[in-house]
C-alpha atoms as a PDB file:
ATOM      1  CA  MET A   1     164.770  30.195  24.423  1.00  0.00           C
ATOM      2  CA  TRP A   2     161.049  29.474  24.003  1.00  0.00           C
ATOM      3  CA  LEU A   3     159.920  32.381  26.210  1.00  0.00           C
ATOM      4  CA  THR A   4     161.385  35.152  24.059  1.00  0.00           C
ATOM      5  CA  PRO A   5     158.837  37.792  22.910  1.00  0.00           C
ATOM      6  CA  PRO A   6     159.139  37.019  19.142  1.00  0.00           C
ATOM      7  CA  LEU A   7     158.488  33.291  19.623  1.00  0.00           C
ATOM      8  CA  MET A   8     155.632  33.985  22.049  1.00  0.00           C
ATOM      9  CA  LEU A   9     154.114  36.275  19.402  1.00  0.00           C
ATOM     10  CA  MET A  10     154.457  33.536  16.801  1.00  0.00           C
ATOM     11  CA  ALA A  11     152.809  31.007  19.147  1.00  0.00           C
ATOM     12  CA  LEU A  12     149.922  33.467  19.647  1.00  0.00           C
ATOM     13  CA  SER A  13     149.650  33.868  15.855  1.00  0.00           C
ATOM     14  CA  ILE A  14     149.457  30.098  15.373  1.00  0.00           C
ATOM     15  CA  THR A  15     146.712  29.900  18.023  1.00  0.00           C
ATOM     16  CA  THR A  16     144.841  32.730  16.282  1.00  0.00           C
ATOM     17  CA  SER A  17     145.068  30.908  12.952  1.00  0.00           C
ATOM     18  CA  LEU A  18     143.587  27.783  14.561  1.00  0.00           C
ATOM     19  CA  PHE A  19     140.574  29.728  15.847  1.00  0.00           C
ATOM     20  CA  LEU A  20     140.272  31.461  12.473  1.00  0.00           C
ATOM     21  CA  VAL A  21     140.001  28.138  10.606  1.00  0.00           C
ATOM     22  CA  VAL A  22     137.715  26.511  13.191  1.00  0.00           C
ATOM     23  CA  SER A  23     135.232  29.404  13.146  1.00  0.00           C
ATOM     24  CA  SER A  24     135.526  30.374   9.472  1.00  0.00           C
ATOM     25  CA  PRO A  25     132.280  30.624   7.462  1.00  0.00           C
ATOM     26  CA  SER A  26     134.021  30.369   4.078  1.00  0.00           C
ATOM     27  CA  LEU A  27     136.923  28.726   2.259  1.00  0.00           C
ATOM     28  CA  PHE A  28     138.675  32.071   1.814  1.00  0.00           C
ATOM     29  CA  ILE A  29     138.800  32.808   5.564  1.00  0.00           C
ATOM     30  CA  SER A  30     140.122  29.285   6.161  1.00  0.00           C
ATOM     31  CA  TRP A  31     142.783  29.909   3.531  1.00  0.00           C
ATOM     32  CA  VAL A  32     143.807  33.127   5.323  1.00  0.00           C
ATOM     33  CA  GLY A  33     144.145  31.083   8.535  1.00  0.00           C
ATOM     34  CA  LEU A  34     146.380  28.577   6.733  1.00  0.00           C
ATOM     35  CA  GLU A  35     148.614  31.379   5.467  1.00  0.00           C
ATOM     36  CA  LEU A  36     148.877  32.952   8.921  1.00  0.00           C
ATOM     37  CA  ASN A  37     149.824  29.552  10.313  1.00  0.00           C
ATOM     38  CA  THR A  38     152.566  29.079   7.711  1.00  0.00           C
ATOM     39  CA  LEU A  39     154.114  32.510   8.267  1.00  0.00           C
ATOM     40  CA  ALA A  40     153.972  32.194  12.070  1.00  0.00           C
ATOM     41  CA  PHE A  41     155.719  28.816  12.067  1.00  0.00           C
ATOM     42  CA  LEU A  42     158.753  30.019  10.074  1.00  0.00           C
ATOM     43  CA  PRO A  43     160.428  31.871  13.018  1.00  0.00           C
ATOM     44  CA  ILE A  44     159.967  28.729  15.138  1.00  0.00           C
ATOM     45  CA  LEU A  45     161.793  26.763  12.428  1.00  0.00           C
ATOM     46  CA  LEU A  46     164.592  29.333  12.620  1.00  0.00           C
ATOM     47  CA  SER A  47     164.836  29.320  16.430  1.00  0.00           C
ATOM     48  CA  LYS A  48     168.277  27.706  16.001  1.00  0.00           C
ATOM     49  CA  LYS A  49     170.105  29.545  13.261  1.00  0.00           C
ATOM     50  CA  ASN A  50     172.320  27.423  11.027  1.00  0.00           C
ATOM     51  CA  LYS A  51     172.501  26.480   7.359  1.00  0.00           C
ATOM     52  CA  LEU A  52     170.294  23.398   7.764  1.00  0.00           C
ATOM     53  CA  THR A  53     167.416  25.260   9.413  1.00  0.00           C
ATOM     54  CA  SER A  54     167.672  28.057   6.829  1.00  0.00           C
ATOM     55  CA  GLU A  55     167.390  25.519   4.028  1.00  0.00           C
ATOM     56  CA  SER A  56     164.500  23.695   5.717  1.00  0.00           C
ATOM     57  CA  SER A  57     162.598  26.954   6.298  1.00  0.00           C
ATOM     58  CA  ILE A  58     162.861  27.816   2.594  1.00  0.00           C
ATOM     59  CA  LYS A  59     161.659  24.328   1.644  1.00  0.00           C
ATOM     60  CA  TYR A  60     158.763  24.641   4.090  1.00  0.00           C
ATOM     61  CA  PHE A  61     157.774  28.078   2.796  1.00  0.00           C
ATOM     62  CA  LEU A  62     157.862  27.063  -0.893  1.00  0.00           C
ATOM     63  CA  THR A  63     155.961  23.823  -0.291  1.00  0.00           C
ATOM     64  CA  GLN A  64     153.253  25.487   1.793  1.00  0.00           C
ATOM     65  CA  THR A  65     152.941  28.307  -0.734  1.00  0.00           C
ATOM     66  CA  LEU A  66     152.428  25.783  -3.549  1.00  0.00           C
ATOM     67  CA  ALA A  67     149.764  23.987  -1.490  1.00  0.00           C
ATOM     68  CA  SER A  68     148.016  27.284  -0.713  1.00  0.00           C
ATOM     69  CA  VAL A  69     147.941  28.245  -4.397  1.00  0.00           C
ATOM     70  CA  ILE A  70     146.412  24.841  -5.230  1.00  0.00           C
ATOM     71  CA  ILE A  71     143.767  25.231  -2.486  1.00  0.00           C
ATOM     72  CA  ILE A  72     142.713  28.733  -3.550  1.00  0.00           C
ATOM     73  CA  GLY A  73     142.725  27.551  -7.189  1.00  0.00           C
ATOM     74  CA  GLY A  74     140.384  24.697  -6.225  1.00  0.00           C
ATOM     75  CA  GLY A  75     138.137  27.226  -4.480  1.00  0.00           C
ATOM     76  CA  LEU A  76     137.980  29.348  -7.646  1.00  0.00           C
ATOM     77  CA  VAL A  77     137.142  26.254  -9.734  1.00  0.00           C
ATOM     78  CA  MET A  78     134.374  25.388  -7.252  1.00  0.00           C
ATOM     79  CA  MET A  79     132.956  28.917  -7.476  1.00  0.00           C
ATOM     80  CA  VAL A  80     132.960  28.983 -11.294  1.00  0.00           C
ATOM     81  CA  LEU A  81     132.175  25.386 -12.308  1.00  0.00           C
ATOM     82  CA  GLN A  82     130.602  23.802  -9.200  1.00  0.00           C
ATOM     83  CA  ALA A  83     132.341  20.590 -10.288  1.00  0.00           C
ATOM     84  CA  GLU A  84     133.467  17.601  -8.210  1.00  0.00           C
ATOM     85  CA  PHE A  85     136.938  18.128  -9.680  1.00  0.00           C
ATOM     86  CA  SER A  86     137.322  21.186  -7.441  1.00  0.00           C
ATOM     87  CA  LEU A  87     137.065  18.984  -4.313  1.00  0.00           C
ATOM     88  CA  VAL A  88     139.892  16.813  -5.650  1.00  0.00           C
ATOM     89  CA  VAL A  89     142.054  19.919  -6.220  1.00  0.00           C
ATOM     90  CA  ILE A  90     141.386  21.210  -2.683  1.00  0.00           C
ATOM     91  CA  LEU A  91     142.125  17.787  -1.161  1.00  0.00           C
ATOM     92  CA  PHE A  92     145.329  17.668  -3.211  1.00  0.00           C
ATOM     93  CA  GLY A  93     146.513  20.949  -1.666  1.00  0.00           C
ATOM     94  CA  LEU A  94     145.494  19.871   1.837  1.00  0.00           C
ATOM     95  CA  ALA A  95     147.334  16.540   1.425  1.00  0.00           C
ATOM     96  CA  ILE A  96     150.533  18.466   0.619  1.00  0.00           C
ATOM     97  CA  LYS A  97     150.058  20.620   3.722  1.00  0.00           C
ATOM     98  CA  LEU A  98     149.505  17.515   5.866  1.00  0.00           C
ATOM     99  CA  GLY A  99     152.585  15.772   4.482  1.00  0.00           C
ATOM    100  CA  ALA A 100     150.417  12.800   3.496  1.00  0.00           C
ATOM    101  CA  ALA A 101     151.863  10.268   1.069  1.00  0.00           C
ATOM    102  CA  PRO A 102     152.659  10.409  -1.819  1.00  0.00           C
ATOM    103  CA  PHE A 103     153.316  14.132  -1.160  1.00  0.00           C
ATOM    104  CA  HIS A 104     155.523  13.524   1.882  1.00  0.00           C
ATOM    105  CA  ASN A 105     159.089  14.083   0.633  1.00  0.00           C
ATOM    106  CA  TRP A 106     159.247  17.688   1.867  1.00  0.00           C
ATOM    107  CA  LEU A 107     158.267  16.600   5.382  1.00  0.00           C
ATOM    108  CA  VAL A 108     161.058  14.015   5.714  1.00  0.00           C
ATOM    109  CA  SER A 109     163.636  16.431   4.311  1.00  0.00           C
ATOM    110  CA  ILE A 110     162.657  19.203   6.750  1.00  0.00           C
ATOM    111  CA  ALA A 111     162.332  16.901   9.775  1.00  0.00           C
ATOM    112  CA  GLU A 112     165.945  15.749   9.493  1.00  0.00           C
ATOM    113  CA  SER A 113     167.262  19.265  10.144  1.00  0.00           C
ATOM    114  CA  LEU A 114     164.870  20.341  12.927  1.00  0.00           C
ATOM    115  CA  ALA A 115     165.280  20.372  16.682  1.00  0.00           C
ATOM    116  CA  TRP A 116     162.924  18.080  18.588  1.00  0.00           C
ATOM    117  CA  VAL A 117     160.407  20.659  19.850  1.00  0.00           C
ATOM    118  CA  PRO A 118     159.851  22.315  16.417  1.00  0.00           C
ATOM    119  CA  LEU A 119     159.549  18.790  14.984  1.00  0.00           C
ATOM    120  CA  PHE A 120     156.797  18.001  17.494  1.00  0.00           C
ATOM    121  CA  ILE A 121     154.970  21.218  16.531  1.00  0.00           C
ATOM    122  CA  LEU A 122     155.339  20.367  12.830  1.00  0.00           C
ATOM    123  CA  LEU A 123     153.944  16.856  13.314  1.00  0.00           C
ATOM    124  CA  THR A 124     151.003  17.865  15.532  1.00  0.00           C
ATOM    125  CA  VAL A 125     149.915  21.515  15.789  1.00  0.00           C
ATOM    126  CA  GLN A 126     150.592  22.278  12.112  1.00  0.00           C
ATOM    127  CA  LYS A 127     148.206  19.491  11.072  1.00  0.00           C
ATOM    128  CA  ILE A 128     145.134  20.852  12.904  1.00  0.00           C
ATOM    129  CA  ASN A 129     144.117  23.446  10.295  1.00  0.00           C
ATOM    130  CA  PRO A 130     144.395  21.125   7.258  1.00  0.00           C
ATOM    131  CA  LEU A 131     142.589  18.340   9.140  1.00  0.00           C
ATOM    132  CA  ILE A 132     139.623  20.583   9.950  1.00  0.00           C
ATOM    133  CA  MET A 133     139.423  21.619   6.287  1.00  0.00           C
ATOM    134  CA  VAL A 134     139.670  17.957   5.206  1.00  0.00           C
ATOM    135  CA  TRP A 135     136.675  17.250   7.449  1.00  0.00           C
ATOM    136  CA  CYS A 136     134.728  19.906   5.528  1.00  0.00           C
ATOM    137  CA  PHE A 137     135.627  18.564   2.065  1.00  0.00           C
ATOM    138  CA  SER A 138     136.230  14.837   2.551  1.00  0.00           C
ATOM    139  CA  GLN A 139     133.985  12.235   0.913  1.00  0.00           C
ATOM    140  CA  MET A 140     134.337   8.551   1.704  1.00  0.00           C
ATOM    141  CA  ASN A 141     133.255   7.635  -1.837  1.00  0.00           C
ATOM    142  CA  SER A 142     136.047   9.780  -3.305  1.00  0.00           C
ATOM    143  CA  GLY A 143     138.686   7.629  -4.999  1.00  0.00           C
ATOM    144  CA  PHE A 144     141.388  10.285  -4.545  1.00  0.00           C
ATOM    145  CA  PHE A 145     140.682  10.577  -0.803  1.00  0.00           C
ATOM    146  CA  ASN A 146     140.907   6.797  -0.360  1.00  0.00           C
ATOM    147  CA  PHE A 147     144.135   6.784  -2.397  1.00  0.00           C
ATOM    148  CA  ILE A 148     145.719   9.311   0.013  1.00  0.00           C
ATOM    149  CA  ILE A 149     144.672   7.199   3.024  1.00  0.00           C
ATOM    150  CA  PHE A 150     146.048   3.945   1.571  1.00  0.00           C
ATOM    151  CA  SER A 151     149.291   5.489   0.354  1.00  0.00           C
ATOM    152  CA  SER A 152     149.907   7.187   3.738  1.00  0.00           C
ATOM    153  CA  LEU A 153     149.363   3.904   5.568  1.00  0.00           C
ATOM    154  CA  VAL A 154     151.629   1.952   3.200  1.00  0.00           C
ATOM    155  CA  VAL A 155     154.436   4.507   2.807  1.00  0.00           C
ATOM    156  CA  GLY A 156     154.531   5.391   6.502  1.00  0.00           C
ATOM    157  CA  SER A 157     154.832   1.734   7.477  1.00  0.00           C
ATOM    158  CA  LEU A 158     157.163   0.307   4.835  1.00  0.00           C
ATOM    159  CA  MET A 159     159.513   3.265   4.306  1.00  0.00           C
ATOM    160  CA  GLY A 160     160.176   3.472   8.031  1.00  0.00           C
ATOM    161  CA  LEU A 161     161.746   0.009   7.986  1.00  0.00           C
ATOM    162  CA  ALA A 162     164.783   1.359   6.127  1.00  0.00           C
ATOM    163  CA  GLN A 163     165.395   4.343   8.450  1.00  0.00           C
ATOM    164  CA  THR A 164     168.184   4.595  11.009  1.00  0.00           C
ATOM    165  CA  SER A 165     167.651   8.249  11.945  1.00  0.00           C
ATOM    166  CA  THR A 166     165.319   8.711  14.912  1.00  0.00           C
ATOM    167  CA  ARG A 167     163.815  11.865  13.366  1.00  0.00           C
ATOM    168  CA  ALA A 168     163.071  10.055  10.100  1.00  0.00           C
ATOM    169  CA  LEU A 169     161.602   7.149  12.060  1.00  0.00           C
ATOM    170  CA  ILE A 170     159.252   9.430  14.010  1.00  0.00           C
ATOM    171  CA  THR A 171     158.336  11.255  10.774  1.00  0.00           C
ATOM    172  CA  PHE A 172     157.415   8.111   8.838  1.00  0.00           C
ATOM    173  CA  SER A 173     155.452   6.913  11.852  1.00  0.00           C
ATOM    174  CA  SER A 174     153.633  10.267  11.713  1.00  0.00           C
ATOM    175  CA  ILE A 175     152.845   9.752   8.004  1.00  0.00           C
ATOM    176  CA  ASN A 176     151.268   6.412   8.924  1.00  0.00           C
ATOM    177  CA  HIS A 177     149.258   8.164  11.648  1.00  0.00           C
ATOM    178  CA  VAL A 178     148.084  10.742   9.072  1.00  0.00           C
ATOM    179  CA  GLY A 179     146.349   7.866   7.242  1.00  0.00           C
ATOM    180  CA  TRP A 180     144.548   6.946  10.474  1.00  0.00           C
ATOM    181  CA  LEU A 181     143.738  10.625  11.151  1.00  0.00           C
ATOM    182  CA  LEU A 182     142.224  11.110   7.694  1.00  0.00           C
ATOM    183  CA  MET A 183     140.149   7.969   8.207  1.00  0.00           C
ATOM    184  CA  GLY A 184     138.926   9.250  11.578  1.00  0.00           C
ATOM    185  CA  VAL A 185     138.075  12.711  10.221  1.00  0.00           C
ATOM    186  CA  ALA A 186     136.139  11.090   7.347  1.00  0.00           C
ATOM    187  CA  PHE A 187     133.973   9.168   9.842  1.00  0.00           C
ATOM    188  CA  SER A 188     133.337  12.064  12.250  1.00  0.00           C
ATOM    189  CA  LEU A 189     135.097  15.117  13.624  1.00  0.00           C
ATOM    190  CA  GLU A 190     134.901  13.684  17.156  1.00  0.00           C
ATOM    191  CA  ALA A 191     136.756  10.486  16.154  1.00  0.00           C
ATOM    192  CA  GLY A 192     139.431  12.501  14.347  1.00  0.00           C
ATOM    193  CA  LEU A 193     139.948  14.869  17.300  1.00  0.00           C
ATOM    194  CA  LEU A 194     140.104  11.963  19.763  1.00  0.00           C
ATOM    195  CA  TYR A 195     142.808  10.304  17.661  1.00  0.00           C
ATOM    196  CA  PHE A 196     144.727  13.569  17.232  1.00  0.00           C
ATOM    197  CA  PHE A 197     144.838  14.541  20.909  1.00  0.00           C
ATOM    198  CA  ILE A 198     145.807  11.075  22.130  1.00  0.00           C
ATOM    199  CA  TYR A 199     148.459  10.867  19.396  1.00  0.00           C
ATOM    200  CA  SER A 200     149.854  14.260  20.477  1.00  0.00           C
ATOM    201  CA  VAL A 201     150.094  13.194  24.139  1.00  0.00           C
ATOM    202  CA  VAL A 202     151.703   9.862  23.264  1.00  0.00           C
ATOM    203  CA  LEU A 203     154.170  11.481  20.825  1.00  0.00           C
ATOM    204  CA  LEU A 204     155.259  14.230  23.231  1.00  0.00           C
ATOM    205  CA  ALA A 205     156.745  11.823  25.802  1.00  0.00           C
ATOM    206  CA  PRO A 206     159.320  10.020  23.569  1.00  0.00           C
ATOM    207  CA  ILE A 207     160.215  13.258  21.745  1.00  0.00           C
ATOM    208  CA  LEU A 208     161.063  15.027  25.025  1.00  0.00           C
ATOM    209  CA  LEU A 209     163.079  12.017  26.169  1.00  0.00           C
ATOM    210  CA  LEU A 210     164.981  11.797  22.880  1.00  0.00           C
ATOM    211  CA  GLU A 211     165.734  15.515  23.170  1.00  0.00           C
ATOM    212  CA  ASN A 212     166.862  14.976  26.754  1.00  0.00           C
ATOM    213  CA  MET A 213     169.293  12.270  25.602  1.00  0.00           C
ATOM    214  CA  ASN A 214     170.332  14.226  22.468  1.00  0.00           C
ATOM    215  CA  MET A 215     169.790  11.148  20.314  1.00  0.00           C
ATOM    216  CA  SER A 216     169.715  11.483  16.522  1.00  0.00           C
ATOM    217  CA  HIS A 217     170.499   7.923  15.460  1.00  0.00           C
ATOM    218  CA  ILE A 218     169.198   4.555  16.600  1.00  0.00           C
ATOM    219  CA  ASN A 219     172.778   3.238  16.908  1.00  0.00           C
ATOM    220  CA  GLN A 220     173.255   5.668  19.803  1.00  0.00           C
ATOM    221  CA  LEU A 221     170.550   3.984  21.859  1.00  0.00           C
ATOM    222  CA  PRO A 222     172.630   1.036  23.149  1.00  0.00           C
ATOM    223  CA  LEU A 223     175.366   3.495  24.219  1.00  0.00           C
ATOM    224  CA  THR A 224     173.119   5.561  26.484  1.00  0.00           C
ATOM    225  CA  GLN A 225     173.714   5.078  30.194  1.00  0.00           C
ATOM    226  CA  MET A 226     170.062   5.112  31.251  1.00  0.00           C
ATOM    227  CA  LYS A 227     168.651   3.387  34.272  1.00  0.00           C
ATOM    228  CA  LEU A 228     166.412   0.395  33.657  1.00  0.00           C
ATOM    229  CA  GLN A 229     163.353   2.334  34.846  1.00  0.00           C
ATOM    230  CA  GLY A 230     164.033   5.101  32.313  1.00  0.00           C
ATOM    231  CA  GLN A 231     164.504   2.561  29.521  1.00  0.00           C
ATOM    232  CA  CYS A 232     161.227   0.831  30.381  1.00  0.00           C
ATOM    233  CA  LEU A 233     159.325   4.127  30.408  1.00  0.00           C
ATOM    234  CA  LEU A 234     160.812   5.140  27.039  1.00  0.00           C
ATOM    235  CA  PHE A 235     159.996   1.847  25.351  1.00  0.00           C
ATOM    236  CA  PHE A 236     156.520   1.597  26.823  1.00  0.00           C
ATOM    237  CA  SER A 237     155.803   5.064  25.411  1.00  0.00           C
ATOM    238  CA  LEU A 238     157.172   3.977  22.014  1.00  0.00           C
ATOM    239  CA  LEU A 239     154.969   0.868  22.058  1.00  0.00           C
ATOM    240  CA  SER A 240     152.029   3.103  22.954  1.00  0.00           C
ATOM    241  CA  LEU A 241     152.909   5.289  19.951  1.00  0.00           C
ATOM    242  CA  GLY A 242     152.859   2.151  17.807  1.00  0.00           C
ATOM    243  CA  GLY A 243     149.363   1.288  19.050  1.00  0.00           C
ATOM    244  CA  LEU A 244     150.057  -1.877  21.033  1.00  0.00           C
ATOM    245  CA  PRO A 245     147.326  -2.842  23.529  1.00  0.00           C
ATOM    246  CA  PRO A 246     146.863  -2.206  26.438  1.00  0.00           C
ATOM    247  CA  PHE A 247     148.654   1.150  26.102  1.00  0.00           C
ATOM    248  CA  LEU A 248     146.873   4.465  25.569  1.00  0.00           C
ATOM    249  CA  GLY A 249     147.857   4.657  21.876  1.00  0.00           C
ATOM    250  CA  PHE A 250     145.707   1.607  21.159  1.00  0.00           C
ATOM    251  CA  LEU A 251     142.461   3.324  22.270  1.00  0.00           C
ATOM    252  CA  PRO A 252     141.924   5.663  19.244  1.00  0.00           C
ATOM    253  CA  LYS A 253     142.921   2.898  16.817  1.00  0.00           C
ATOM    254  CA  TRP A 254     140.380   0.610  18.450  1.00  0.00           C
ATOM    255  CA  VAL A 255     137.693   3.294  18.054  1.00  0.00           C
ATOM    256  CA  LEU A 256     138.508   3.760  14.348  1.00  0.00           C
ATOM    257  CA  LEU A 257     138.529   0.007  13.732  1.00  0.00           C
ATOM    258  CA  GLN A 258     135.102  -0.259  15.367  1.00  0.00           C
ATOM    259  CA  LEU A 259     133.816   2.544  13.108  1.00  0.00           C
ATOM    260  CA  SER A 260     135.361   0.873  10.043  1.00  0.00           C
ATOM    261  CA  MET A 261     133.565  -2.385  10.830  1.00  0.00           C
ATOM    262  CA  THR A 262     130.311  -0.523  11.532  1.00  0.00           C
ATOM    263  CA  PHE A 263     130.393   1.159   8.114  1.00  0.00           C
ATOM    264  CA  SER A 264     131.500  -2.095   6.387  1.00  0.00           C
ATOM    265  CA  PHE A 265     135.036  -0.975   5.447  1.00  0.00           C
ATOM    266  CA  TYR A 266     136.387  -4.470   6.093  1.00  0.00           C
ATOM    267  CA  PHE A 267     139.289  -4.398   3.644  1.00  0.00           C
ATOM    268  CA  LEU A 268     140.458  -0.993   4.852  1.00  0.00           C
ATOM    269  CA  ALA A 269     140.327  -2.195   8.482  1.00  0.00           C
ATOM    270  CA  LEU A 270     142.443  -5.236   7.540  1.00  0.00           C
ATOM    271  CA  VAL A 271     145.024  -3.006   5.808  1.00  0.00           C
ATOM    272  CA  MET A 272     145.162  -0.625   8.784  1.00  0.00           C
ATOM    273  CA  VAL A 273     145.757  -3.445  11.273  1.00  0.00           C
ATOM    274  CA  SER A 274     148.313  -5.230   9.075  1.00  0.00           C
ATOM    275  CA  LEU A 275     150.404  -2.133   8.432  1.00  0.00           C
ATOM    276  CA  SER A 276     150.361  -1.173  12.126  1.00  0.00           C
ATOM    277  CA  LEU A 277     152.481  -4.272  12.721  1.00  0.00           C
ATOM    278  CA  PHE A 278     155.294  -2.715  10.675  1.00  0.00           C
ATOM    279  CA  THR A 279     155.266   0.461  12.777  1.00  0.00           C
ATOM    280  CA  LEU A 280     155.434  -1.709  15.899  1.00  0.00           C
ATOM    281  CA  TYR A 281     158.496  -3.396  14.400  1.00  0.00           C
ATOM    282  CA  PHE A 282     160.311  -0.006  14.290  1.00  0.00           C
ATOM    283  CA  TYR A 283     160.037   0.332  18.034  1.00  0.00           C
ATOM    284  CA  LEU A 284     160.667  -3.317  18.857  1.00  0.00           C
ATOM    285  CA  ARG A 285     163.913  -3.025  16.911  1.00  0.00           C
ATOM    286  CA  LEU A 286     164.904  -0.096  19.110  1.00  0.00           C
ATOM    287  CA  MET A 287     163.973  -2.021  22.247  1.00  0.00           C
ATOM    288  CA  PHE A 288     165.888  -5.180  21.469  1.00  0.00           C
ATOM    289  CA  SER A 289     169.109  -3.391  20.541  1.00  0.00           C
ATOM    290  CA  ALA A 290     168.992  -1.181  23.625  1.00  0.00           C
ATOM    291  CA  PHE A 291     168.070  -3.900  26.121  1.00  0.00           C
ATOM    292  CA  ILE A 292     170.646  -6.378  24.772  1.00  0.00           C
ATOM    293  CA  PHE A 293     173.539  -3.898  24.688  1.00  0.00           C
ATOM    294  CA  GLY A 294     172.270  -1.266  27.115  1.00  0.00           C
ATOM    295  CA  GLY A 295     174.189  -2.659  30.093  1.00  0.00           C
ATOM    296  CA  VAL A 296     177.547  -2.518  28.315  1.00  0.00           C
ATOM    297  CA  LYS A 297     179.340   0.645  29.447  1.00  0.00           C
ATOM    298  CA  ILE A 298     181.251   1.419  26.275  1.00  0.00           C
ATOM    299  CA  THR A 299     181.534   5.152  26.900  1.00  0.00           C
ATOM    300  CA  PRO A 300     181.701   7.094  30.155  1.00  0.00           C
ATOM    301  CA  GLN A 301     179.103   9.582  28.890  1.00  0.00           C
ATOM    302  CA  LYS A 302     176.281  10.237  31.358  1.00  0.00           C
ATOM    303  CA  HIS A 303     172.860  11.531  30.428  1.00  0.00           C
ATOM    304  CA  PRO A 304     170.723  13.689  32.718  1.00  0.00           C
ATOM    305  CA  GLU A 305     168.137  12.054  34.927  1.00  0.00           C
ATOM    306  CA  ILE A 306     164.500  11.963  33.843  1.00  0.00           C
ATOM    307  CA  SER A 307     162.549  14.743  35.550  1.00  0.00           C
ATOM    308  CA  PHE A 308     159.375  14.059  37.525  1.00  0.00           C
ATOM    309  CA  ALA A 309     157.182  15.896  34.970  1.00  0.00           C
ATOM    310  CA  LEU A 310     158.619  13.860  32.107  1.00  0.00           C
ATOM    311  CA  SER A 311     158.158  10.629  34.090  1.00  0.00           C
ATOM    312  CA  LEU A 312     154.531  11.579  34.672  1.00  0.00           C
ATOM    313  CA  LEU A 313     154.016  12.231  30.947  1.00  0.00           C
ATOM    314  CA  LEU A 314     155.670   8.919  30.051  1.00  0.00           C
ATOM    315  CA  THR A 315     153.487   7.100  32.566  1.00  0.00           C
ATOM    316  CA  LEU A 316     150.367   8.745  31.120  1.00  0.00           C
ATOM    317  CA  SER A 317     151.104   7.350  27.675  1.00  0.00           C
END
């Protein structure tokens, strides 16, 4: 399904938009790259045609169009007035594109109706362009920028506690990670890219496994007939996604905490660590329910074995 010529063309268009934003000398060229990215992602959203994906694609298009209008409006304000207000307007549009809180409702709504692979692309690849533009316009002394970081950390952690859908759980965890990503990009581009790439690797493993098991709800987890080794690999990757040491997901968080302490952001570092405990609770809840009831063979349903490549990816995380 993913090797059809139209989807390959769309993947090439998304890659082109990434290079366009990375190498752009002006805000307008970056904006063109954002638009190309939005249009190229729509066919990937519609790779499985049903009413839910049609609705989610329309929501995605309208939301991204609104954000693009806000960004280009902020660029026009910057060109005419040269005011600090224009930076706030641009960051406002970029926050909508990132799905950062409190502008995250569209992301949760769309994620619920997506297949796992498009969801992974939405939560990772689609954030690269806005993150690079945030790096260009972010200011650590900006109250609005700090508000987006705090609200993403808080909403992503606390709202995830009430979720029973695995897609919603992964999405709210991603919103929490957006707060960390914005913090890393504000410190340096290298720290932000390190966090992003490790987060992408760690996220890919559980998403592929959840797709392999066709799991949409956390109540399905105790009913899966997985071997103990497969369960351990899945839950270790989830704990790595939550940032528990000594797993790989802890490394970028450790780097950002070190930078926060170096630049005397003590309160922000305390908030980041405290709210990470809530995201860990999501995954511990999954673990306990599955390990306690996982040996009970309630249904005869059998799930496919974990492939060697997937095992390798899980082990890496």
